[in-house]
Amino acid sequence: MFGHNDTACKDLNSFPNETIKDEVQVFSNNFDIKSQWFGAVPAIVYSVFAGALSDRYGRKPLMVLPLTGVAIATALSLINFAFIRCVENINLTQQTNNAC
């Protein structure tokens, strides 16, 4: 993604590769900041309507909705993590088979 070879990426703590490490950390930090901002938008929109809806339907149903969203987001994160680990294992297996 950044155009560096595997050798440089595996040894980011050595002197010439520290700039690569800094570049990746800046990119990761910017990604996290944008993720936090975009993740807050649904909560802001929900909070605008939640007050009036709680008067009509009560507070408990409106408290369950965000909890359900968090549960779904957590489940999707776990699935994503498992998928990435599975792909990494497949790539390692293929590299091992190609090395023989």
PDB file of N, CA and C in Angstrom:
ATOM      1  N   MET A   1       0.808  -1.188   0.000  1.00  0.00           N
ATOM      2  CA  MET A   1       0.000   0.000   0.000  1.00  0.00           C
ATOM      3  C   MET A   1       0.858   1.262   0.000  1.00  0.00           C
ATOM      4  N   PHE A   2       1.953   1.225   0.738  1.00  0.00           N
ATOM      5  CA  PHE A   2       2.831   2.384   0.797  1.00  0.00           C
ATOM      6  C   PHE A   2       4.004   2.267  -0.171  1.00  0.00           C
ATOM      7  N   GLY A   3       4.096   1.146  -0.855  1.00  0.00           N
ATOM      8  CA  GLY A   3       5.139   0.971  -1.858  1.00  0.00           C
ATOM      9  C   GLY A   3       6.485   0.545  -1.311  1.00  0.00           C
ATOM     10  N   HIS A   4       6.523  -0.061  -0.150  1.00  0.00           N
ATOM     11  CA  HIS A   4       7.776  -0.519   0.435  1.00  0.00           C
ATOM     12  C   HIS A   4       7.853  -2.036   0.333  1.00  0.00           C
ATOM     13  N   ASN A   5       9.083  -2.558   0.327  1.00  0.00           N
ATOM     14  CA  ASN A   5       9.250  -4.008   0.210  1.00  0.00           C
ATOM     15  C   ASN A   5       9.037  -4.688   1.555  1.00  0.00           C
ATOM     16  N   ASP A   6       8.916  -6.021   1.517  1.00  0.00           N
ATOM     17  CA  ASP A   6       8.636  -6.803   2.725  1.00  0.00           C
ATOM     18  C   ASP A   6       9.763  -6.713   3.748  1.00  0.00           C
ATOM     19  N   THR A   7      10.994  -6.625   3.282  1.00  0.00           N
ATOM     20  CA  THR A   7      12.129  -6.566   4.201  1.00  0.00           C
ATOM     21  C   THR A   7      12.069  -5.307   5.056  1.00  0.00           C
ATOM     22  N   ALA A   8      11.750  -4.187   4.440  1.00  0.00           N
ATOM     23  CA  ALA A   8      11.651  -2.924   5.182  1.00  0.00           C
ATOM     24  C   ALA A   8      10.485  -2.958   6.155  1.00  0.00           C
ATOM     25  N   CYS A   9       9.391  -3.563   5.752  1.00  0.00           N
ATOM     26  CA  CYS A   9       8.197  -3.592   6.604  1.00  0.00           C
ATOM     27  C   CYS A   9       8.364  -4.517   7.799  1.00  0.00           C
ATOM     28  N   LYS A  10       9.186  -5.547   7.670  1.00  0.00           N
ATOM     29  CA  LYS A  10       9.380  -6.477   8.782  1.00  0.00           C
ATOM     30  C   LYS A  10      10.329  -5.926   9.838  1.00  0.00           C
ATOM     31  N   ASP A  11      11.165  -4.969   9.463  1.00  0.00           N
ATOM     32  CA  ASP A  11      12.148  -4.408  10.393  1.00  0.00           C
ATOM     33  C   ASP A  11      11.945  -2.899  10.494  1.00  0.00           C
ATOM     34  N   LEU A  12      10.843  -2.484  11.108  1.00  0.00           N
ATOM     35  CA  LEU A  12      10.510  -1.065  11.181  1.00  0.00           C
ATOM     36  C   LEU A  12      11.265  -0.327  12.276  1.00  0.00           C
ATOM     37  N   ASN A  13      11.914  -1.037  13.176  1.00  0.00           N
ATOM     38  CA  ASN A  13      12.599  -0.382  14.284  1.00  0.00           C
ATOM     39  C   ASN A  13      14.032   0.021  13.953  1.00  0.00           C
ATOM     40  N   SER A  14      14.583  -0.431  12.830  1.00  0.00           N
ATOM     41  CA  SER A  14      15.938  -0.037  12.468  1.00  0.00           C
ATOM     42  C   SER A  14      15.922   1.386  11.920  1.00  0.00           C
ATOM     43  N   PHE A  15      17.075   2.033  11.925  1.00  0.00           N
ATOM     44  CA  PHE A  15      17.161   3.457  11.606  1.00  0.00           C
ATOM     45  C   PHE A  15      16.594   3.831  10.238  1.00  0.00           C
ATOM     46  N   PRO A  16      16.978   3.191   9.153  1.00  0.00           N
ATOM     47  CA  PRO A  16      16.459   3.694   7.873  1.00  0.00           C
ATOM     48  C   PRO A  16      14.955   3.476   7.700  1.00  0.00           C
ATOM     49  N   ASN A  17      14.392   2.557   8.440  1.00  0.00           N
ATOM     50  CA  ASN A  17      12.965   2.227   8.263  1.00  0.00           C
ATOM     51  C   ASN A  17      12.051   2.960   9.246  1.00  0.00           C
ATOM     52  N   GLU A  18      12.618   3.779  10.112  1.00  0.00           N
ATOM     53  CA  GLU A  18      11.783   4.500  11.075  1.00  0.00           C
ATOM     54  C   GLU A  18      10.840   5.478  10.380  1.00  0.00           C
ATOM     55  N   THR A  19      11.248   6.023   9.246  1.00  0.00           N
ATOM     56  CA  THR A  19      10.352   6.934   8.515  1.00  0.00           C
ATOM     57  C   THR A  19       9.141   6.184   7.982  1.00  0.00           C
ATOM     58  N   ILE A  20       9.349   4.924   7.587  1.00  0.00           N
ATOM     59  CA  ILE A  20       8.227   4.092   7.133  1.00  0.00           C
ATOM     60  C   ILE A  20       7.270   3.871   8.302  1.00  0.00           C
ATOM     61  N   LYS A  21       7.818   3.576   9.463  1.00  0.00           N
ATOM     62  CA  LYS A  21       7.006   3.356  10.663  1.00  0.00           C
ATOM     63  C   LYS A  21       6.189   4.608  10.979  1.00  0.00           C
ATOM     64  N   ASP A  22       6.830   5.776  10.913  1.00  0.00           N
ATOM     65  CA  ASP A  22       6.120   7.029  11.174  1.00  0.00           C
ATOM     66  C   ASP A  22       5.013   7.259  10.155  1.00  0.00           C
ATOM     67  N   GLU A  23       5.291   6.957   8.898  1.00  0.00           N
ATOM     68  CA  GLU A  23       4.298   7.123   7.830  1.00  0.00           C
ATOM     69  C   GLU A  23       3.073   6.239   8.080  1.00  0.00           C
ATOM     70  N   VAL A  24       3.309   5.002   8.468  1.00  0.00           N
ATOM     71  CA  VAL A  24       2.215   4.071   8.734  1.00  0.00           C
ATOM     72  C   VAL A  24       1.425   4.506   9.965  1.00  0.00           C
ATOM     73  N   GLN A  25       2.111   4.992  10.993  1.00  0.00           N
ATOM     74  CA  GLN A  25       1.423   5.433  12.200  1.00  0.00           C
ATOM     75  C   GLN A  25       0.550   6.656  11.935  1.00  0.00           C
ATOM     76  N   VAL A  26       1.024   7.585  11.103  1.00  0.00           N
ATOM     77  CA  VAL A  26       0.211   8.754  10.751  1.00  0.00           C
ATOM     78  C   VAL A  26      -1.033   8.315   9.981  1.00  0.00           C
ATOM     79  N   PHE A  27      -0.852   7.398   9.030  1.00  0.00           N
ATOM     80  CA  PHE A  27      -1.995   6.901   8.261  1.00  0.00           C
ATOM     81  C   PHE A  27      -3.001   6.197   9.174  1.00  0.00           C
ATOM     82  N   SER A  28      -2.506   5.365  10.066  1.00  0.00           N
ATOM     83  CA  SER A  28      -3.377   4.635  10.987  1.00  0.00           C
ATOM     84  C   SER A  28      -4.118   5.593  11.917  1.00  0.00           C
ATOM     85  N   ASN A  29      -3.429   6.599  12.408  1.00  0.00           N
ATOM     86  CA  ASN A  29      -4.053   7.572  13.290  1.00  0.00           C
ATOM     87  C   ASN A  29      -5.152   8.341  12.551  1.00  0.00           C
ATOM     88  N   ASN A  30      -4.877   8.773  11.329  1.00  0.00           N
ATOM     89  CA  ASN A  30      -5.897   9.481  10.545  1.00  0.00           C
ATOM     90  C   ASN A  30      -7.100   8.597  10.274  1.00  0.00           C
ATOM     91  N   PHE A  31      -6.851   7.327   9.998  1.00  0.00           N
ATOM     92  CA  PHE A  31      -7.951   6.386   9.777  1.00  0.00           C
ATOM     93  C   PHE A  31      -8.800   6.240  11.033  1.00  0.00           C
ATOM     94  N   ASP A  32      -8.154   6.120  12.185  1.00  0.00           N
ATOM     95  CA  ASP A  32      -8.883   5.984  13.452  1.00  0.00           C
ATOM     96  C   ASP A  32      -9.714   7.226  13.756  1.00  0.00           C
ATOM     97  N   ILE A  33      -9.154   8.406  13.489  1.00  0.00           N
ATOM     98  CA  ILE A  33      -9.894   9.644  13.741  1.00  0.00           C
ATOM     99  C   ILE A  33     -11.136   9.711  12.861  1.00  0.00           C
ATOM    100  N   LYS A  34     -10.978   9.412  11.581  1.00  0.00           N
ATOM    101  CA  LYS A  34     -12.129   9.432  10.668  1.00  0.00           C
ATOM    102  C   LYS A  34     -13.157   8.379  11.062  1.00  0.00           C
ATOM    103  N   SER A  35     -12.686   7.228  11.492  1.00  0.00           N
ATOM    104  CA  SER A  35     -13.591   6.169  11.925  1.00  0.00           C
ATOM    105  C   SER A  35     -14.411   6.609  13.133  1.00  0.00           C
ATOM    106  N   GLN A  36     -13.771   7.273  14.076  1.00  0.00           N
ATOM    107  CA  GLN A  36     -14.479   7.756  15.262  1.00  0.00           C
ATOM    108  C   GLN A  36     -15.528   8.804  14.887  1.00  0.00           C
ATOM    109  N   TRP A  37     -15.181   9.706  13.984  1.00  0.00           N
ATOM    110  CA  TRP A  37     -16.135  10.743  13.562  1.00  0.00           C
ATOM    111  C   TRP A  37     -17.330  10.125  12.847  1.00  0.00           C
ATOM    112  N   PHE A  38     -17.071   9.223  11.908  1.00  0.00           N
ATOM    113  CA  PHE A  38     -18.176   8.608  11.181  1.00  0.00           C
ATOM    114  C   PHE A  38     -19.002   7.690  12.080  1.00  0.00           C
ATOM    115  N   GLY A  39     -18.378   7.115  13.087  1.00  0.00           N
ATOM    116  CA  GLY A  39     -19.108   6.288  14.033  1.00  0.00           C
ATOM    117  C   GLY A  39     -20.006   7.100  14.946  1.00  0.00           C
ATOM    118  N   ALA A  40     -19.687   8.376  15.149  1.00  0.00           N
ATOM    119  CA  ALA A  40     -20.485   9.226  16.023  1.00  0.00           C
ATOM    120  C   ALA A  40     -21.721   9.791  15.322  1.00  0.00           C
ATOM    121  N   VAL A  41     -21.702   9.839  14.008  1.00  0.00           N
ATOM    122  CA  VAL A  41     -22.820  10.435  13.267  1.00  0.00           C
ATOM    123  C   VAL A  41     -24.150   9.736  13.553  1.00  0.00           C
ATOM    124  N   PRO A  42     -24.244   8.402  13.488  1.00  0.00           N
ATOM    125  CA  PRO A  42     -25.535   7.772  13.800  1.00  0.00           C
ATOM    126  C   PRO A  42     -26.029   8.072  15.214  1.00  0.00           C
ATOM    127  N   ALA A  43     -25.133   8.153  16.174  1.00  0.00           N
ATOM    128  CA  ALA A  43     -25.534   8.460  17.546  1.00  0.00           C
ATOM    129  C   ALA A  43     -26.087   9.882  17.653  1.00  0.00           C
ATOM    130  N   ILE A  44     -25.478  10.794  16.936  1.00  0.00           N
ATOM    131  CA  ILE A  44     -25.968  12.180  16.956  1.00  0.00           C
ATOM    132  C   ILE A  44     -27.345  12.263  16.325  1.00  0.00           C
ATOM    133  N   VAL A  45     -27.522  11.608  15.185  1.00  0.00           N
ATOM    134  CA  VAL A  45     -28.826  11.619  14.512  1.00  0.00           C
ATOM    135  C   VAL A  45     -29.872  10.944  15.400  1.00  0.00           C
ATOM    136  N   TYR A  46     -29.519   9.832  16.011  1.00  0.00           N
ATOM    137  CA  TYR A  46     -30.447   9.104  16.888  1.00  0.00           C
ATOM    138  C   TYR A  46     -30.865   9.966  18.072  1.00  0.00           C
ATOM    139  N   SER A  47     -29.904  10.675  18.652  1.00  0.00           N
ATOM    140  CA  SER A  47     -30.223  11.462  19.846  1.00  0.00           C
ATOM    141  C   SER A  47     -31.182  12.601  19.548  1.00  0.00           C
ATOM    142  N   VAL A  48     -31.192  13.105  18.320  1.00  0.00           N
ATOM    143  CA  VAL A  48     -32.118  14.174  17.961  1.00  0.00           C
ATOM    144  C   VAL A  48     -33.564  13.685  18.061  1.00  0.00           C
ATOM    145  N   PHE A  49     -33.811  12.460  17.641  1.00  0.00           N
ATOM    146  CA  PHE A  49     -35.170  11.922  17.619  1.00  0.00           C
ATOM    147  C   PHE A  49     -35.530  11.118  18.864  1.00  0.00           C
ATOM    148  N   ALA A  50     -34.550  10.702  19.637  1.00  0.00           N
ATOM    149  CA  ALA A  50     -34.816   9.800  20.764  1.00  0.00           C
ATOM    150  C   ALA A  50     -35.652  10.445  21.859  1.00  0.00           C
ATOM    151  N   GLY A  51     -35.474  11.726  22.091  1.00  0.00           N
ATOM    152  CA  GLY A  51     -36.234  12.385  23.150  1.00  0.00           C
ATOM    153  C   GLY A  51     -37.725  12.343  22.904  1.00  0.00           C
ATOM    154  N   ALA A  52     -38.139  12.715  21.692  1.00  0.00           N
ATOM    155  CA  ALA A  52     -39.567  12.707  21.371  1.00  0.00           C
ATOM    156  C   ALA A  52     -40.109  11.280  21.311  1.00  0.00           C
ATOM    157  N   LEU A  53     -39.312  10.364  20.789  1.00  0.00           N
ATOM    158  CA  LEU A  53     -39.765   8.974  20.691  1.00  0.00           C
ATOM    159  C   LEU A  53     -39.899   8.332  22.075  1.00  0.00           C
ATOM    160  N   SER A  54     -39.047   8.733  23.022  1.00  0.00           N
ATOM    161  CA  SER A  54     -39.140   8.147  24.365  1.00  0.00           C
ATOM    162  C   SER A  54     -40.415   8.584  25.074  1.00  0.00           C
ATOM    163  N   ASP A  55     -40.904   9.776  24.755  1.00  0.00           N
ATOM    164  CA  ASP A  55     -42.180  10.210  25.333  1.00  0.00           C
ATOM    165  C   ASP A  55     -43.330   9.354  24.816  1.00  0.00           C
ATOM    166  N   ARG A  56     -43.230   8.934  23.580  1.00  0.00           N
ATOM    167  CA  ARG A  56     -44.309   8.162  22.960  1.00  0.00           C
ATOM    168  C   ARG A  56     -44.228   6.678  23.308  1.00  0.00           C
ATOM    169  N   TYR A  57     -43.032   6.073  23.220  1.00  0.00           N
ATOM    170  CA  TYR A  57     -42.898   4.615  23.372  1.00  0.00           C
ATOM    171  C   TYR A  57     -42.291   4.184  24.694  1.00  0.00           C
ATOM    172  N   GLY A  58     -41.807   5.100  25.480  1.00  0.00           N
ATOM    173  CA  GLY A  58     -41.129   4.748  26.721  1.00  0.00           C
ATOM    174  C   GLY A  58     -39.622   4.691  26.518  1.00  0.00           C
ATOM    175  N   ARG A  59     -38.901   4.638  27.611  1.00  0.00           N
ATOM    176  CA  ARG A  59     -37.444   4.700  27.519  1.00  0.00           C
ATOM    177  C   ARG A  59     -36.791   3.346  27.247  1.00  0.00           C
ATOM    178  N   LYS A  60     -37.385   2.279  27.745  1.00  0.00           N
ATOM    179  CA  LYS A  60     -36.751   0.965  27.613  1.00  0.00           C
ATOM    180  C   LYS A  60     -36.578   0.520  26.159  1.00  0.00           C
ATOM    181  N   PRO A  61     -37.586   0.614  25.298  1.00  0.00           N
ATOM    182  CA  PRO A  61     -37.366   0.198  23.907  1.00  0.00           C
ATOM    183  C   PRO A  61     -36.286   1.015  23.206  1.00  0.00           C
ATOM    184  N   LEU A  62     -36.195   2.288  23.550  1.00  0.00           N
ATOM    185  CA  LEU A  62     -35.182   3.129  22.924  1.00  0.00           C
ATOM    186  C   LEU A  62     -33.789   2.889  23.499  1.00  0.00           C
ATOM    187  N   MET A  63     -33.697   2.283  24.660  1.00  0.00           N
ATOM    188  CA  MET A  63     -32.402   1.903  25.196  1.00  0.00           C
ATOM    189  C   MET A  63     -31.925   0.588  24.591  1.00  0.00           C
ATOM    190  N   VAL A  64     -32.865  -0.264  24.203  1.00  0.00           N
ATOM    191  CA  VAL A  64     -32.512  -1.561  23.618  1.00  0.00           C
ATOM    192  C   VAL A  64     -31.963  -1.386  22.205  1.00  0.00           C
ATOM    193  N   LEU A  65     -32.465  -0.424  21.467  1.00  0.00           N
ATOM    194  CA  LEU A  65     -32.036  -0.223  20.079  1.00  0.00           C
ATOM    195  C   LEU A  65     -30.533   0.036  19.958  1.00  0.00           C
ATOM    196  N   PRO A  66     -29.949   0.975  20.706  1.00  0.00           N
ATOM    197  CA  PRO A  66     -28.493   1.160  20.601  1.00  0.00           C
ATOM    198  C   PRO A  66     -27.704  -0.052  21.085  1.00  0.00           C
ATOM    199  N   LEU A  67     -28.206  -0.729  22.118  1.00  0.00           N
ATOM    200  CA  LEU A  67     -27.510  -1.924  22.601  1.00  0.00           C
ATOM    201  C   LEU A  67     -27.503  -3.018  21.541  1.00  0.00           C
ATOM    202  N   THR A  68     -28.604  -3.131  20.808  1.00  0.00           N
ATOM    203  CA  THR A  68     -28.658  -4.093  19.708  1.00  0.00           C
ATOM    204  C   THR A  68     -27.648  -3.722  18.626  1.00  0.00           C
ATOM    205  N   GLY A  69     -27.557  -2.434  18.326  1.00  0.00           N
ATOM    206  CA  GLY A  69     -26.576  -1.970  17.336  1.00  0.00           C
ATOM    207  C   GLY A  69     -25.148  -2.268  17.755  1.00  0.00           C
ATOM    208  N   VAL A  70     -24.851  -2.068  19.021  1.00  0.00           N
ATOM    209  CA  VAL A  70     -23.506  -2.363  19.529  1.00  0.00           C
ATOM    210  C   VAL A  70     -23.226  -3.859  19.451  1.00  0.00           C
ATOM    211  N   ALA A  71     -24.224  -4.679  19.788  1.00  0.00           N
ATOM    212  CA  ALA A  71     -24.042  -6.136  19.717  1.00  0.00           C
ATOM    213  C   ALA A  71     -23.782  -6.581  18.282  1.00  0.00           C
ATOM    214  N   ILE A  72     -24.512  -6.021  17.333  1.00  0.00           N
ATOM    215  CA  ILE A  72     -24.315  -6.367  15.921  1.00  0.00           C
ATOM    216  C   ILE A  72     -22.936  -5.908  15.456  1.00  0.00           C
ATOM    217  N   ALA A  73     -22.539  -4.679  15.832  1.00  0.00           N
ATOM    218  CA  ALA A  73     -21.223  -4.169  15.435  1.00  0.00           C
ATOM    219  C   ALA A  73     -20.099  -5.025  16.012  1.00  0.00           C
ATOM    220  N   THR A  74     -20.251  -5.449  17.256  1.00  0.00           N
ATOM    221  CA  THR A  74     -19.243  -6.306  17.881  1.00  0.00           C
ATOM    222  C   THR A  74     -19.162  -7.662  17.186  1.00  0.00           C
ATOM    223  N   ALA A  75     -20.315  -8.232  16.862  1.00  0.00           N
ATOM    224  CA  ALA A  75     -20.328  -9.515  16.149  1.00  0.00           C
ATOM    225  C   ALA A  75     -19.665  -9.385  14.784  1.00  0.00           C
ATOM    226  N   LEU A  76     -19.941  -8.301  14.067  1.00  0.00           N
ATOM    227  CA  LEU A  76     -19.325  -8.101  12.757  1.00  0.00           C
ATOM    228  C   LEU A  76     -17.819  -7.884  12.879  1.00  0.00           C
ATOM    229  N   SER A  77     -17.388  -7.205  13.935  1.00  0.00           N
ATOM    230  CA  SER A  77     -15.949  -7.035  14.161  1.00  0.00           C
ATOM    231  C   SER A  77     -15.265  -8.371  14.419  1.00  0.00           C
ATOM    232  N   LEU A  78     -15.911  -9.233  15.193  1.00  0.00           N
ATOM    233  CA  LEU A  78     -15.350 -10.565  15.456  1.00  0.00           C
ATOM    234  C   LEU A  78     -15.281 -11.398  14.183  1.00  0.00           C
ATOM    235  N   ILE A  79     -16.319 -11.313  13.359  1.00  0.00           N
ATOM    236  CA  ILE A  79     -16.311 -12.040  12.082  1.00  0.00           C
ATOM    237  C   ILE A  79     -15.197 -11.511  11.197  1.00  0.00           C
ATOM    238  N   ASN A  80     -15.028 -10.193  11.152  1.00  0.00           N
ATOM    239  CA  ASN A  80     -13.961  -9.593  10.359  1.00  0.00           C
ATOM    240  C   ASN A  80     -12.598 -10.050  10.852  1.00  0.00           C
ATOM    241  N   PHE A  81     -12.399 -10.061  12.162  1.00  0.00           N
ATOM    242  CA  PHE A  81     -11.136 -10.512  12.736  1.00  0.00           C
ATOM    243  C   PHE A  81     -10.862 -11.965  12.378  1.00  0.00           C
ATOM    244  N   ALA A  82     -11.890 -12.811  12.502  1.00  0.00           N
ATOM    245  CA  ALA A  82     -11.723 -14.229  12.172  1.00  0.00           C
ATOM    246  C   ALA A  82     -11.413 -14.409  10.690  1.00  0.00           C
ATOM    247  N   PHE A  83     -12.047 -13.625   9.838  1.00  0.00           N
ATOM    248  CA  PHE A  83     -11.793 -13.722   8.401  1.00  0.00           C
ATOM    249  C   PHE A  83     -10.358 -13.326   8.075  1.00  0.00           C
ATOM    250  N   ILE A  84      -9.876 -12.246   8.690  1.00  0.00           N
ATOM    251  CA  ILE A  84      -8.503 -11.801   8.440  1.00  0.00           C
ATOM    252  C   ILE A  84      -7.518 -12.858   8.901  1.00  0.00           C
ATOM    253  N   ARG A  85      -7.764 -13.449  10.071  1.00  0.00           N
ATOM    254  CA  ARG A  85      -6.872 -14.503  10.561  1.00  0.00           C
ATOM    255  C   ARG A  85      -6.890 -15.705   9.619  1.00  0.00           C
ATOM    256  N   CYS A  86      -8.063 -16.040   9.100  1.00  0.00           N
ATOM    257  CA  CYS A  86      -8.191 -17.168   8.178  1.00  0.00           C
ATOM    258  C   CYS A  86      -7.401 -16.896   6.905  1.00  0.00           C
ATOM    259  N   VAL A  87      -7.517 -15.687   6.363  1.00  0.00           N
ATOM    260  CA  VAL A  87      -6.786 -15.329   5.143  1.00  0.00           C
ATOM    261  C   VAL A  87      -5.287 -15.343   5.401  1.00  0.00           C
ATOM    262  N   GLU A  88      -4.855 -14.848   6.562  1.00  0.00           N
ATOM    263  CA  GLU A  88      -3.427 -14.885   6.897  1.00  0.00           C
ATOM    264  C   GLU A  88      -2.930 -16.326   6.959  1.00  0.00           C
ATOM    265  N   ASN A  89      -3.699 -17.226   7.560  1.00  0.00           N
ATOM    266  CA  ASN A  89      -3.297 -18.630   7.647  1.00  0.00           C
ATOM    267  C   ASN A  89      -3.231 -19.262   6.262  1.00  0.00           C
ATOM    268  N   ILE A  90      -4.170 -18.918   5.400  1.00  0.00           N
ATOM    269  CA  ILE A  90      -4.145 -19.457   4.033  1.00  0.00           C
ATOM    270  C   ILE A  90      -2.907 -18.959   3.306  1.00  0.00           C
ATOM    271  N   ASN A  91      -2.593 -17.663   3.449  1.00  0.00           N
ATOM    272  CA  ASN A  91      -1.403 -17.111   2.796  1.00  0.00           C
ATOM    273  C   ASN A  91      -0.132 -17.750   3.321  1.00  0.00           C
ATOM    274  N   LEU A  92      -0.055 -17.992   4.636  1.00  0.00           N
ATOM    275  CA  LEU A  92       1.125 -18.640   5.209  1.00  0.00           C
ATOM    276  C   LEU A  92       1.248 -20.067   4.694  1.00  0.00           C
ATOM    277  N   THR A  93       0.130 -20.767   4.570  1.00  0.00           N
ATOM    278  CA  THR A  93       0.141 -22.134   4.056  1.00  0.00           C
ATOM    279  C   THR A  93       0.619 -22.156   2.615  1.00  0.00           C
ATOM    280  N   GLN A  94       0.133 -21.224   1.815  1.00  0.00           N
ATOM    281  CA  GLN A  94       0.546 -21.162   0.410  1.00  0.00           C
ATOM    282  C   GLN A  94       2.012 -20.824   0.290  1.00  0.00           C
ATOM    283  N   GLN A  95       2.526 -19.914   1.125  1.00  0.00           N
ATOM    284  CA  GLN A  95       3.928 -19.576   1.077  1.00  0.00           C
ATOM    285  C   GLN A  95       4.793 -20.743   1.482  1.00  0.00           C
ATOM    286  N   THR A  96       4.345 -21.504   2.465  1.00  0.00           N
ATOM    287  CA  THR A  96       5.099 -22.679   2.898  1.00  0.00           C
ATOM    288  C   THR A  96       5.117 -23.732   1.792  1.00  0.00           C
ATOM    289  N   ASN A  97       3.982 -23.947   1.136  1.00  0.00           N
ATOM    290  CA  ASN A  97       3.912 -24.930   0.069  1.00  0.00           C
ATOM    291  C   ASN A  97       4.747 -24.506  -1.129  1.00  0.00           C
ATOM    292  N   ASN A  98       4.795 -23.214  -1.416  1.00  0.00           N
ATOM    293  CA  ASN A  98       5.592 -22.716  -2.533  1.00  0.00           C
ATOM    294  C   ASN A  98       7.077 -22.759  -2.243  1.00  0.00           C
ATOM    295  N   ALA A  99       7.458 -22.714  -0.976  1.00  0.00           N
ATOM    296  CA  ALA A  99       8.860 -22.726  -0.613  1.00  0.00           C
ATOM    297  C   ALA A  99       9.496 -24.109  -0.760  1.00  0.00           C
ATOM    298  N   CYS A 100       8.693 -25.140  -0.738  1.00  0.00           N
ATOM    299  CA  CYS A 100       9.227 -26.508  -0.782  1.00  0.00           C
ATOM    300  C   CYS A 100       9.676 -26.907  -2.149  1.00  0.00           C
TER     301      CYS A 100
END
